[in-house]
Structures are given as structure tokens and as C-alpha cells.
């Protein structure tokens, strides 16, 4: 190794996956949004915000849908 190589610190490492295990929730829509978090594994930190905001928006919509009144089916509104 030359003296110049010894004095030059290595550059920053590229993005690394965190290796987090995502446990399925049993709700297909929620699981799809949580799976999207894996997209952030291969991005630099400044790219995470877009993914996190997208996942947050989708999870918030799924949660809000639970509070929505059920829509009657075509034959449920008989008089």
C-alpha cells in the first residue's frame, strides 16, 4: 500500500438494505404498502422521503376506509 492510499479515507458506502422482516398483516392492501418500503432499501437516504410519504399516504387511506360506512350492495336497499 502506498502512503497516498493510506492517507485517503474510503468513500461513503452505497445504500445497504436494513434486512428488516415485514410480517404480513393479512390485509392485502396494507401488506402491499408495507412491501413498498423495500424500495427504500436501494436508495440513498434523500430518496427515502418519497417512499415513506407514499407508504404513509396509502396506509392512511386504508385506515380511513375502515371508518367509511359500508356501501349497500345492489339488492340490499329493498323497501
Protein backbone atom coordinates (compact mmCIF):
# COMPACT_ATOMS: atom_id res chain seq x y z
CA UNK A 1 0.00 0.00 0.00
CA UNK A 2 1.36 3.43 -0.88
CA UNK A 3 1.42 6.34 1.56
CA UNK A 4 -1.11 8.18 -0.60
CA UNK A 5 -3.59 5.27 -0.43
CA UNK A 6 -3.15 5.04 3.33
CA UNK A 7 -3.97 8.74 3.77
CA UNK A 8 -7.10 8.73 1.58
CA UNK A 9 -10.13 7.62 3.56
CA UNK A 10 -12.54 5.33 1.74
CA UNK A 11 -15.58 7.00 0.16
CA UNK A 12 -19.07 6.59 1.57
CA UNK A 13 -20.61 3.17 1.24
CA UNK A 14 -23.57 2.79 -1.08
CA UNK A 15 -27.09 2.14 0.18
CA UNK A 16 -27.50 -1.11 2.08
CA UNK A 17 -30.69 -2.96 2.85
CA UNK A 18 -31.56 -2.91 6.54
CA UNK A 19 -32.72 -6.52 6.40
CA UNK A 20 -35.93 -5.86 8.29
CA UNK A 21 -38.51 -8.63 8.25
CA UNK A 22 -42.02 -7.49 7.43
CA UNK A 23 -44.67 -9.69 8.99
CA UNK A 24 -47.79 -9.97 6.82
CA UNK A 25 -50.86 -8.35 8.36
CA UNK A 26 -53.41 -10.43 6.47
CA UNK A 27 -54.82 -7.30 4.79
CA UNK A 28 -53.69 -7.35 1.16
CA UNK A 29 -53.76 -3.56 0.72
CA UNK A 30 -51.76 -2.89 3.87
CA UNK A 31 -49.27 -5.63 3.03
CA UNK A 32 -48.74 -4.13 -0.43
CA UNK A 33 -47.96 -0.72 1.08
CA UNK A 34 -45.58 -2.24 3.63
CA UNK A 35 -43.84 -4.20 0.87
CA UNK A 36 -43.22 -0.87 -0.89
CA UNK A 37 -40.90 0.04 2.00
CA UNK A 38 -38.37 -2.38 0.46
CA UNK A 39 -37.96 0.15 -2.38
CA UNK A 40 -36.16 2.44 0.07
CA UNK A 41 -33.52 -0.22 0.75
CA UNK A 42 -31.74 0.54 -2.51
CA UNK A 43 -31.99 4.34 -2.39
CA UNK A 44 -29.73 6.91 -0.80
CA UNK A 45 -31.19 8.47 2.35
CA UNK A 46 -32.52 11.51 0.48
CA UNK A 47 -34.66 9.17 -1.65
CA UNK A 48 -36.37 7.59 1.35
CA UNK A 49 -38.73 10.51 1.93
CA UNK A 50 -40.69 9.91 -1.28
CA UNK A 51 -41.15 6.21 -0.47
CA UNK A 52 -42.11 6.86 3.16
CA UNK A 53 -44.62 9.54 2.19
CA UNK A 54 -46.17 7.25 -0.42
CA UNK A 55 -46.47 4.38 2.07
CA UNK A 56 -47.84 6.70 4.76
CA UNK A 57 -50.47 8.06 2.36
CA UNK A 58 -51.55 4.53 1.38
CA UNK A 59 -51.74 3.32 4.97
CA UNK A 60 -53.71 6.42 5.99
CA UNK A 61 -56.18 5.78 3.15
CA UNK A 62 -56.55 2.13 4.21
CA UNK A 63 -57.20 3.20 7.79
CA UNK A 64 -59.71 5.86 6.72
CA UNK A 65 -61.56 3.27 4.64
CA UNK A 66 -62.22 1.32 7.83
CA UNK A 67 -64.20 4.29 9.17
CA UNK A 68 -66.27 4.73 6.00
CA UNK A 69 -69.87 3.49 6.18
CA UNK A 70 -70.46 0.32 4.20
CA UNK A 71 -71.81 0.80 0.70
CA UNK A 72 -75.06 -1.16 0.22
CA UNK A 73 -75.00 -3.83 -2.45
CA UNK A 74 -77.39 -3.66 -5.42
CA UNK A 75 -80.10 -5.70 -3.63
CA UNK A 76 -79.62 -4.55 -0.03
CA UNK A 77 -81.77 -1.41 -0.29
CA UNK A 78 -85.18 -3.03 -0.71
CA UNK A 79 -88.29 -1.33 0.61
